[in-house]
N, C-alpha and C. Protein backbone atom coordinates (compact mmCIF):
# COMPACT_ATOMS: atom_id res chain seq x y z
N MET A 1 -144.40 171.00 65.53
CA MET A 1 -143.14 171.72 65.46
C MET A 1 -143.40 173.14 65.05
N ALA A 2 -142.83 174.06 65.77
CA ALA A 2 -142.99 175.46 65.45
C ALA A 2 -142.24 175.79 64.16
N HIS A 3 -142.79 176.69 63.39
CA HIS A 3 -142.16 177.07 62.14
C HIS A 3 -141.21 178.24 62.34
N ASP A 4 -141.21 178.85 63.51
CA ASP A 4 -140.33 179.98 63.79
C ASP A 4 -139.03 179.48 64.39
N LEU A 5 -138.08 179.18 63.53
CA LEU A 5 -136.80 178.68 63.98
C LEU A 5 -135.83 179.86 64.14
N PRO A 6 -134.96 179.80 65.12
CA PRO A 6 -134.00 180.89 65.29
C PRO A 6 -133.05 180.95 64.09
N PRO A 7 -132.47 182.11 63.83
CA PRO A 7 -131.52 182.21 62.71
C PRO A 7 -130.38 181.20 62.87
N ASN A 8 -129.98 180.62 61.75
CA ASN A 8 -128.90 179.65 61.77
C ASN A 8 -128.25 179.68 60.38
N PRO A 9 -127.04 180.24 60.26
CA PRO A 9 -126.42 180.36 58.94
C PRO A 9 -126.16 179.02 58.25
N VAL A 10 -125.86 177.98 59.03
CA VAL A 10 -125.64 176.66 58.43
C VAL A 10 -126.94 176.16 57.82
N ARG A 11 -128.03 176.25 58.59
CA ARG A 11 -129.34 175.81 58.07
C ARG A 11 -129.70 176.62 56.82
N ASP A 12 -129.50 177.92 56.87
CA ASP A 12 -129.86 178.77 55.73
C ASP A 12 -129.07 178.37 54.48
N HIS A 13 -127.79 178.06 54.65
CA HIS A 13 -126.97 177.62 53.53
C HIS A 13 -127.48 176.28 52.98
N LEU A 14 -127.74 175.33 53.88
CA LEU A 14 -128.22 174.02 53.45
C LEU A 14 -129.59 174.11 52.79
N LEU A 15 -130.44 175.01 53.26
CA LEU A 15 -131.76 175.20 52.63
C LEU A 15 -131.60 175.70 51.18
N THR A 16 -130.60 176.51 50.94
CA THR A 16 -130.33 176.95 49.57
C THR A 16 -129.99 175.75 48.69
N ILE A 17 -129.19 174.84 49.23
CA ILE A 17 -128.82 173.62 48.49
C ILE A 17 -130.05 172.74 48.28
N ILE A 18 -130.89 172.60 49.30
CA ILE A 18 -132.09 171.77 49.22
C ILE A 18 -133.08 172.35 48.21
N ARG A 19 -133.22 173.66 48.21
CA ARG A 19 -134.23 174.29 47.34
C ARG A 19 -133.82 174.31 45.88
N ALA A 20 -132.53 174.24 45.58
CA ALA A 20 -132.09 174.31 44.18
C ALA A 20 -132.74 173.23 43.31
N PRO A 21 -132.68 171.95 43.67
CA PRO A 21 -133.33 170.96 42.80
C PRO A 21 -134.85 171.10 42.77
N SER A 22 -135.43 171.67 43.81
CA SER A 22 -136.89 171.81 43.84
C SER A 22 -137.38 172.77 42.76
N LEU A 23 -136.49 173.58 42.24
CA LEU A 23 -136.85 174.54 41.19
C LEU A 23 -136.77 173.94 39.80
N LEU A 24 -136.23 172.75 39.69
CA LEU A 24 -136.13 172.09 38.38
C LEU A 24 -137.51 171.67 37.88
N PRO A 25 -137.68 171.58 36.57
CA PRO A 25 -138.91 170.96 36.06
C PRO A 25 -139.01 169.54 36.62
N THR A 26 -140.22 169.06 36.81
CA THR A 26 -140.42 167.76 37.45
C THR A 26 -139.63 166.63 36.81
N PRO A 27 -139.60 166.51 35.48
CA PRO A 27 -138.82 165.39 34.91
C PRO A 27 -137.33 165.46 35.30
N GLU A 28 -136.77 166.65 35.37
CA GLU A 28 -135.36 166.79 35.77
C GLU A 28 -135.18 166.50 37.26
N LEU A 29 -136.16 166.89 38.07
CA LEU A 29 -136.12 166.59 39.50
C LEU A 29 -136.17 165.08 39.71
N VAL A 30 -137.05 164.41 38.99
CA VAL A 30 -137.14 162.95 39.07
C VAL A 30 -135.80 162.33 38.69
N GLU A 31 -135.20 162.82 37.61
CA GLU A 31 -133.92 162.27 37.16
C GLU A 31 -132.81 162.54 38.18
N SER A 32 -132.84 163.68 38.85
CA SER A 32 -131.84 163.97 39.89
C SER A 32 -131.94 162.97 41.02
N ILE A 33 -133.17 162.68 41.43
CA ILE A 33 -133.37 161.71 42.51
C ILE A 33 -132.98 160.31 42.04
N ARG A 34 -133.38 159.95 40.84
CA ARG A 34 -133.04 158.61 40.31
C ARG A 34 -131.51 158.45 40.24
N ALA A 35 -130.82 159.48 39.82
CA ALA A 35 -129.35 159.39 39.69
C ALA A 35 -128.68 159.21 41.04
N VAL A 36 -129.11 159.94 42.04
CA VAL A 36 -128.47 159.81 43.35
C VAL A 36 -128.84 158.46 43.99
N GLN A 37 -130.05 157.99 43.76
CA GLN A 37 -130.43 156.65 44.23
C GLN A 37 -129.52 155.60 43.60
N ALA A 38 -129.28 155.73 42.30
CA ALA A 38 -128.44 154.76 41.59
C ALA A 38 -127.00 154.80 42.10
N ARG A 39 -126.49 156.00 42.39
CA ARG A 39 -125.12 156.11 42.92
C ARG A 39 -125.01 155.40 44.27
N LEU A 40 -126.00 155.60 45.13
CA LEU A 40 -125.95 154.95 46.44
C LEU A 40 -125.98 153.43 46.28
N LEU A 41 -126.91 152.94 45.47
CA LEU A 41 -127.01 151.49 45.27
C LEU A 41 -125.72 150.92 44.68
N SER A 42 -125.16 151.58 43.68
CA SER A 42 -123.95 151.04 43.06
C SER A 42 -122.77 151.07 44.03
N THR A 43 -122.80 151.97 44.99
CA THR A 43 -121.73 152.06 45.98
C THR A 43 -121.75 150.87 46.94
N VAL A 44 -122.93 150.38 47.28
CA VAL A 44 -123.04 149.38 48.36
C VAL A 44 -123.47 148.00 47.91
N GLU A 45 -123.94 147.83 46.68
CA GLU A 45 -124.57 146.56 46.33
C GLU A 45 -123.63 145.37 46.24
N SER A 46 -122.35 145.58 46.05
CA SER A 46 -121.45 144.43 45.89
C SER A 46 -120.87 143.94 47.22
N LEU A 47 -121.20 144.59 48.32
CA LEU A 47 -120.66 144.16 49.61
C LEU A 47 -121.25 142.83 50.05
N PRO A 48 -120.44 141.96 50.61
CA PRO A 48 -120.99 140.75 51.22
C PRO A 48 -121.70 141.10 52.53
N ASP A 49 -122.56 140.23 52.99
CA ASP A 49 -123.34 140.48 54.21
C ASP A 49 -122.47 140.90 55.39
N ALA A 50 -121.39 140.16 55.64
CA ALA A 50 -120.56 140.44 56.81
C ALA A 50 -119.95 141.83 56.74
N SER A 51 -119.49 142.24 55.58
CA SER A 51 -118.90 143.58 55.44
C SER A 51 -119.96 144.66 55.59
N ALA A 52 -121.15 144.43 55.06
CA ALA A 52 -122.22 145.42 55.17
C ALA A 52 -122.66 145.61 56.62
N ALA A 53 -122.55 144.57 57.41
CA ALA A 53 -123.02 144.63 58.80
C ALA A 53 -121.94 145.11 59.78
N ARG A 54 -120.72 145.18 59.35
CA ARG A 54 -119.61 145.53 60.26
C ARG A 54 -119.39 147.04 60.26
N SER A 55 -119.29 147.62 61.45
CA SER A 55 -118.96 149.05 61.54
C SER A 55 -117.47 149.22 61.79
N ARG A 56 -116.95 150.35 61.35
CA ARG A 56 -115.51 150.63 61.50
C ARG A 56 -115.13 150.77 62.96
N ASP A 57 -115.98 151.43 63.72
CA ASP A 57 -115.69 151.76 65.10
C ASP A 57 -116.89 151.38 65.97
N PRO A 58 -116.66 151.05 67.23
CA PRO A 58 -117.79 150.76 68.13
C PRO A 58 -118.74 151.97 68.19
N GLY A 59 -120.00 151.70 68.01
CA GLY A 59 -121.00 152.76 68.05
C GLY A 59 -121.20 153.48 66.73
N ALA A 60 -120.33 153.24 65.75
CA ALA A 60 -120.48 153.88 64.44
C ALA A 60 -121.41 153.04 63.56
N TRP A 61 -122.00 153.69 62.58
CA TRP A 61 -122.90 152.98 61.68
C TRP A 61 -122.13 152.08 60.73
N SER A 62 -122.74 150.95 60.45
CA SER A 62 -122.29 150.07 59.37
C SER A 62 -123.04 150.50 58.11
N VAL A 63 -122.67 149.91 56.98
CA VAL A 63 -123.43 150.16 55.75
C VAL A 63 -124.88 149.74 55.96
N ARG A 64 -125.09 148.64 56.61
CA ARG A 64 -126.46 148.16 56.89
C ARG A 64 -127.24 149.20 57.70
N ASP A 65 -126.62 149.74 58.75
CA ASP A 65 -127.29 150.78 59.56
C ASP A 65 -127.61 152.00 58.70
N LEU A 66 -126.66 152.40 57.88
CA LEU A 66 -126.86 153.55 57.01
C LEU A 66 -128.05 153.31 56.08
N LEU A 67 -128.13 152.12 55.48
CA LEU A 67 -129.24 151.82 54.57
C LEU A 67 -130.57 151.76 55.31
N ARG A 68 -130.57 151.26 56.54
CA ARG A 68 -131.81 151.24 57.32
C ARG A 68 -132.28 152.68 57.58
N HIS A 69 -131.34 153.59 57.78
CA HIS A 69 -131.69 155.00 57.96
C HIS A 69 -132.20 155.60 56.65
N VAL A 70 -131.50 155.34 55.56
CA VAL A 70 -131.90 155.89 54.26
C VAL A 70 -133.31 155.42 53.90
N ILE A 71 -133.60 154.16 54.12
CA ILE A 71 -134.94 153.63 53.83
C ILE A 71 -135.98 154.33 54.69
N ASP A 72 -135.72 154.45 55.97
CA ASP A 72 -136.67 155.10 56.87
C ASP A 72 -136.93 156.54 56.45
N ALA A 73 -135.86 157.29 56.22
CA ALA A 73 -136.02 158.70 55.83
C ALA A 73 -136.76 158.81 54.50
N GLU A 74 -136.40 157.95 53.54
CA GLU A 74 -137.04 158.03 52.23
C GLU A 74 -138.52 157.68 52.31
N GLU A 75 -138.88 156.70 53.13
CA GLU A 75 -140.30 156.39 53.31
C GLU A 75 -141.04 157.59 53.92
N ARG A 76 -140.40 158.25 54.87
CA ARG A 76 -141.01 159.42 55.50
C ARG A 76 -141.14 160.59 54.52
N VAL A 77 -140.10 160.82 53.72
CA VAL A 77 -140.14 161.91 52.74
C VAL A 77 -141.20 161.62 51.67
N THR A 78 -141.27 160.37 51.24
CA THR A 78 -142.29 159.99 50.25
C THR A 78 -143.69 160.30 50.78
N ALA A 79 -143.94 160.02 52.05
CA ALA A 79 -145.24 160.33 52.65
C ALA A 79 -145.50 161.83 52.67
N GLN A 80 -144.45 162.62 52.92
CA GLN A 80 -144.61 164.08 52.91
C GLN A 80 -145.01 164.56 51.52
N ILE A 81 -144.27 164.10 50.51
CA ILE A 81 -144.52 164.54 49.14
C ILE A 81 -145.90 164.10 48.67
N ALA A 82 -146.24 162.84 48.89
CA ALA A 82 -147.54 162.33 48.42
C ALA A 82 -148.70 163.06 49.10
N SER A 83 -148.61 163.26 50.40
CA SER A 83 -149.70 163.93 51.12
C SER A 83 -149.81 165.39 50.72
N LEU A 84 -148.70 166.10 50.73
CA LEU A 84 -148.75 167.52 50.38
C LEU A 84 -149.20 167.72 48.93
N SER A 85 -148.79 166.84 48.03
CA SER A 85 -149.21 166.93 46.62
C SER A 85 -150.71 166.74 46.47
N ALA A 86 -151.31 165.97 47.37
CA ALA A 86 -152.75 165.72 47.33
C ALA A 86 -153.53 166.74 48.18
N GLY A 87 -152.83 167.70 48.77
CA GLY A 87 -153.49 168.71 49.58
C GLY A 87 -153.86 168.24 50.97
N ARG A 88 -153.23 167.16 51.42
CA ARG A 88 -153.52 166.60 52.74
C ARG A 88 -152.37 166.90 53.71
N THR A 89 -152.70 166.90 54.98
CA THR A 89 -151.68 167.02 56.02
C THR A 89 -150.95 165.69 56.10
N PRO A 90 -149.62 165.72 55.96
CA PRO A 90 -148.88 164.46 55.99
C PRO A 90 -148.66 163.97 57.41
N PRO A 91 -148.27 162.70 57.54
CA PRO A 91 -147.89 162.20 58.87
C PRO A 91 -146.64 162.93 59.33
N GLU A 92 -146.39 162.91 60.62
CA GLU A 92 -145.21 163.56 61.19
C GLU A 92 -143.94 162.96 60.59
N TYR A 93 -143.03 163.81 60.16
CA TYR A 93 -141.76 163.34 59.61
C TYR A 93 -140.77 162.99 60.72
N ASN A 94 -140.73 163.82 61.74
CA ASN A 94 -139.70 163.73 62.76
C ASN A 94 -139.98 162.60 63.75
N VAL A 95 -138.95 162.12 64.37
CA VAL A 95 -139.08 161.10 65.41
C VAL A 95 -138.90 161.77 66.76
N LEU A 96 -139.35 161.09 67.79
CA LEU A 96 -139.19 161.62 69.14
C LEU A 96 -137.73 161.61 69.53
N PRO A 97 -137.31 162.56 70.36
CA PRO A 97 -135.92 162.59 70.80
C PRO A 97 -135.50 161.23 71.37
N GLY A 98 -134.33 160.79 70.97
CA GLY A 98 -133.81 159.52 71.46
C GLY A 98 -134.21 158.31 70.64
N GLU A 99 -135.21 158.47 69.76
CA GLU A 99 -135.62 157.34 68.91
C GLU A 99 -134.77 157.33 67.64
N PRO A 100 -134.38 156.14 67.20
CA PRO A 100 -133.59 156.10 65.98
C PRO A 100 -134.45 156.37 64.75
N MET A 101 -133.88 157.03 63.77
CA MET A 101 -134.58 157.21 62.50
C MET A 101 -134.03 156.16 61.55
N GLN A 102 -134.43 154.92 61.82
CA GLN A 102 -134.04 153.77 61.02
C GLN A 102 -135.19 152.78 61.03
N ILE A 103 -135.31 152.04 59.94
CA ILE A 103 -136.28 150.94 59.98
C ILE A 103 -135.79 149.94 61.01
N ALA A 104 -136.69 149.16 61.54
CA ALA A 104 -136.32 148.16 62.55
C ALA A 104 -135.34 147.16 61.95
N GLU A 105 -134.44 146.70 62.78
CA GLU A 105 -133.50 145.67 62.35
C GLU A 105 -134.29 144.42 61.98
N THR A 106 -133.85 143.75 60.94
CA THR A 106 -134.51 142.53 60.47
C THR A 106 -133.44 141.46 60.27
N SER A 107 -133.90 140.27 59.98
CA SER A 107 -132.96 139.18 59.68
C SER A 107 -132.63 139.16 58.19
N ASP A 108 -133.10 140.15 57.45
CA ASP A 108 -132.83 140.21 56.01
C ASP A 108 -131.32 140.22 55.75
N THR A 109 -130.95 139.60 54.67
CA THR A 109 -129.57 139.68 54.19
C THR A 109 -129.34 141.08 53.63
N HIS A 110 -128.10 141.36 53.28
CA HIS A 110 -127.78 142.64 52.63
C HIS A 110 -128.60 142.76 51.34
N ALA A 111 -128.71 141.67 50.60
CA ALA A 111 -129.51 141.69 49.37
C ALA A 111 -130.97 142.02 49.67
N GLY A 112 -131.50 141.53 50.79
CA GLY A 112 -132.88 141.84 51.17
C GLY A 112 -133.06 143.31 51.52
N ILE A 113 -132.09 143.88 52.22
CA ILE A 113 -132.14 145.30 52.55
C ILE A 113 -132.08 146.12 51.26
N LEU A 114 -131.21 145.72 50.33
CA LEU A 114 -131.11 146.43 49.06
C LEU A 114 -132.41 146.34 48.26
N GLU A 115 -133.07 145.20 48.32
CA GLU A 115 -134.35 145.06 47.62
C GLU A 115 -135.39 146.01 48.22
N ARG A 116 -135.43 146.11 49.54
CA ARG A 116 -136.36 147.06 50.17
C ARG A 116 -136.01 148.48 49.77
N LEU A 117 -134.73 148.81 49.69
CA LEU A 117 -134.34 150.14 49.26
C LEU A 117 -134.79 150.40 47.83
N ARG A 118 -134.65 149.42 46.96
CA ARG A 118 -135.11 149.59 45.56
C ARG A 118 -136.62 149.84 45.51
N ARG A 119 -137.39 149.10 46.31
CA ARG A 119 -138.85 149.32 46.34
C ARG A 119 -139.17 150.72 46.87
N THR A 120 -138.45 151.12 47.91
CA THR A 120 -138.65 152.45 48.49
C THR A 120 -138.28 153.53 47.47
N ASN A 121 -137.18 153.31 46.75
CA ASN A 121 -136.78 154.25 45.70
C ASN A 121 -137.88 154.41 44.65
N ALA A 122 -138.47 153.31 44.23
CA ALA A 122 -139.53 153.35 43.21
C ALA A 122 -140.73 154.14 43.72
N LEU A 123 -141.11 153.93 44.96
CA LEU A 123 -142.25 154.67 45.54
C LEU A 123 -141.94 156.17 45.62
N MET A 124 -140.70 156.51 45.94
CA MET A 124 -140.29 157.91 45.97
C MET A 124 -140.46 158.54 44.59
N LEU A 125 -139.98 157.85 43.57
CA LEU A 125 -140.08 158.39 42.22
C LEU A 125 -141.53 158.55 41.79
N GLU A 126 -142.40 157.61 42.16
CA GLU A 126 -143.83 157.75 41.87
C GLU A 126 -144.39 159.00 42.53
N ALA A 127 -144.03 159.23 43.78
CA ALA A 127 -144.52 160.42 44.50
C ALA A 127 -144.03 161.70 43.85
N VAL A 128 -142.77 161.73 43.44
CA VAL A 128 -142.23 162.95 42.82
C VAL A 128 -142.90 163.21 41.47
N HIS A 129 -143.28 162.16 40.77
CA HIS A 129 -144.01 162.36 39.51
C HIS A 129 -145.33 163.11 39.74
N LEU A 130 -145.90 162.99 40.95
CA LEU A 130 -147.14 163.71 41.27
C LEU A 130 -146.95 165.22 41.22
N LEU A 131 -145.72 165.67 41.31
CA LEU A 131 -145.45 167.10 41.30
C LEU A 131 -145.65 167.72 39.92
N GLU A 132 -145.91 166.90 38.91
CA GLU A 132 -146.19 167.43 37.58
C GLU A 132 -147.56 168.10 37.53
N ARG A 133 -148.44 167.70 38.41
CA ARG A 133 -149.75 168.34 38.42
C ARG A 133 -149.69 169.64 39.22
N ASP A 134 -150.78 170.37 39.23
CA ASP A 134 -150.82 171.64 39.95
C ASP A 134 -150.86 171.36 41.45
N VAL A 135 -149.77 171.65 42.13
CA VAL A 135 -149.64 171.38 43.56
C VAL A 135 -149.59 172.69 44.31
N ASP A 136 -150.32 172.77 45.40
CA ASP A 136 -150.32 173.97 46.24
C ASP A 136 -149.02 174.01 47.04
N LEU A 137 -148.10 174.87 46.62
CA LEU A 137 -146.79 174.93 47.27
C LEU A 137 -146.80 175.79 48.53
N THR A 138 -147.98 176.29 48.91
CA THR A 138 -148.06 176.98 50.20
C THR A 138 -148.25 175.99 51.33
N LEU A 139 -148.65 174.75 50.99
CA LEU A 139 -148.80 173.71 52.00
C LEU A 139 -147.42 173.17 52.37
N THR A 140 -147.15 173.09 53.66
CA THR A 140 -145.84 172.61 54.11
C THR A 140 -146.00 171.64 55.27
N SER A 141 -144.93 170.91 55.51
CA SER A 141 -144.79 170.12 56.73
C SER A 141 -143.37 170.38 57.21
N SER A 142 -143.13 170.10 58.46
CA SER A 142 -141.91 170.58 59.08
C SER A 142 -140.87 169.49 59.33
N HIS A 143 -139.66 169.86 59.07
CA HIS A 143 -138.47 169.06 59.42
C HIS A 143 -137.88 169.72 60.67
N ASP A 144 -137.44 168.91 61.63
CA ASP A 144 -136.91 169.45 62.89
C ASP A 144 -135.83 170.50 62.70
N PHE A 145 -134.91 170.27 61.78
CA PHE A 145 -133.80 171.19 61.60
C PHE A 145 -134.09 172.24 60.53
N PHE A 146 -134.69 171.82 59.41
CA PHE A 146 -134.86 172.72 58.28
C PHE A 146 -136.15 173.53 58.33
N GLY A 147 -137.09 173.14 59.17
CA GLY A 147 -138.35 173.88 59.27
C GLY A 147 -139.32 173.46 58.18
N PRO A 148 -140.25 174.36 57.84
CA PRO A 148 -141.30 173.99 56.88
C PRO A 148 -140.76 173.82 55.46
N LEU A 149 -141.19 172.72 54.83
CA LEU A 149 -140.84 172.43 53.45
C LEU A 149 -142.11 172.09 52.69
N ASN A 150 -142.22 172.58 51.45
CA ASN A 150 -143.36 172.19 50.62
C ASN A 150 -143.01 170.89 49.88
N ALA A 151 -143.93 170.39 49.09
CA ALA A 151 -143.72 169.07 48.44
C ALA A 151 -142.48 169.07 47.56
N ARG A 152 -142.27 170.11 46.79
CA ARG A 152 -141.09 170.16 45.91
C ARG A 152 -139.80 170.28 46.73
N GLU A 153 -139.85 171.03 47.83
CA GLU A 153 -138.67 171.17 48.69
C GLU A 153 -138.33 169.85 49.38
N TRP A 154 -139.35 169.06 49.73
CA TRP A 154 -139.07 167.73 50.28
C TRP A 154 -138.35 166.87 49.25
N ALA A 155 -138.73 167.01 47.97
CA ALA A 155 -138.01 166.27 46.92
C ALA A 155 -136.56 166.75 46.83
N GLY A 156 -136.34 168.05 46.95
CA GLY A 156 -134.98 168.58 46.98
C GLY A 156 -134.22 168.09 48.19
N PHE A 157 -134.91 167.99 49.32
CA PHE A 157 -134.29 167.43 50.52
C PHE A 157 -133.82 166.01 50.25
N GLN A 158 -134.61 165.23 49.50
CA GLN A 158 -134.23 163.85 49.21
C GLN A 158 -132.94 163.79 48.41
N VAL A 159 -132.78 164.69 47.44
CA VAL A 159 -131.53 164.74 46.67
C VAL A 159 -130.36 165.02 47.62
N PHE A 160 -130.54 166.01 48.48
CA PHE A 160 -129.50 166.39 49.44
C PHE A 160 -129.19 165.23 50.39
N HIS A 161 -130.22 164.62 50.94
CA HIS A 161 -130.07 163.54 51.92
C HIS A 161 -129.32 162.35 51.32
N ASP A 162 -129.75 161.90 50.14
CA ASP A 162 -129.11 160.75 49.53
C ASP A 162 -127.69 161.07 49.07
N THR A 163 -127.45 162.29 48.63
CA THR A 163 -126.10 162.69 48.23
C THR A 163 -125.17 162.62 49.44
N ASP A 164 -125.63 163.15 50.56
CA ASP A 164 -124.84 163.13 51.80
C ASP A 164 -124.55 161.69 52.23
N HIS A 165 -125.56 160.84 52.20
CA HIS A 165 -125.36 159.47 52.66
C HIS A 165 -124.62 158.61 51.65
N THR A 166 -124.64 158.99 50.39
CA THR A 166 -123.80 158.28 49.42
C THR A 166 -122.33 158.55 49.72
N ALA A 167 -122.00 159.79 50.05
CA ALA A 167 -120.61 160.10 50.44
C ALA A 167 -120.21 159.30 51.68
N HIS A 168 -121.12 159.20 52.64
CA HIS A 168 -120.86 158.42 53.84
C HIS A 168 -120.66 156.95 53.47
N ALA A 169 -121.48 156.44 52.59
CA ALA A 169 -121.37 155.04 52.16
C ALA A 169 -120.03 154.79 51.48
N VAL A 170 -119.57 155.73 50.66
CA VAL A 170 -118.27 155.57 50.00
C VAL A 170 -117.17 155.39 51.04
N THR A 171 -117.21 156.19 52.09
CA THR A 171 -116.23 156.09 53.17
C THR A 171 -116.32 154.74 53.87
N LEU A 172 -117.55 154.31 54.17
CA LEU A 172 -117.73 153.03 54.85
C LEU A 172 -117.25 151.86 53.99
N VAL A 173 -117.58 151.89 52.70
CA VAL A 173 -117.19 150.79 51.81
C VAL A 173 -115.67 150.76 51.67
N ALA A 174 -115.05 151.93 51.59
CA ALA A 174 -113.60 151.98 51.44
C ALA A 174 -112.89 151.36 52.65
N SER A 175 -113.54 151.42 53.81
CA SER A 175 -112.91 150.87 55.01
C SER A 175 -113.40 149.47 55.35
N ALA A 176 -114.29 148.94 54.51
CA ALA A 176 -114.82 147.59 54.76
C ALA A 176 -113.74 146.54 54.50
N PRO A 177 -113.77 145.49 55.33
CA PRO A 177 -112.76 144.42 55.13
C PRO A 177 -113.03 143.64 53.85
């Protein structure tokens, strides 16, 4: 992915939001991520399987679909942070056009999906703790829309991403039968 993205005021504004938590001391950054993870889990954990799997509209995401996306994105972000923190080139974050950015559908119950999310959350927090050491913040990897992000900025992206999807989850849960 090219790092020379055309000017985009929306992207520039969102990058300001993403970069804000990246400037926090690592313990506060970890706590920001932990708090938004907890809000998302508390929003969706009491849903029964049928409600979690049902979408409001044909073609719209269900809570289950949303969680499959959150898990996929968080696993990808964790890989970015861990690799960049270690001075390595991370695996590609972006998916090919037309491919879903969701973990594969499984026969897991809603509780099983939530358990995978909890494990993914824990791995994310472990990776962000690595930012306490001296990390080369000139090393970046690219997001299709936001462009190059360093390890701390990827952690800020996670706060932004989970905050956005928690709001989406609130809407979905409110309309669940």
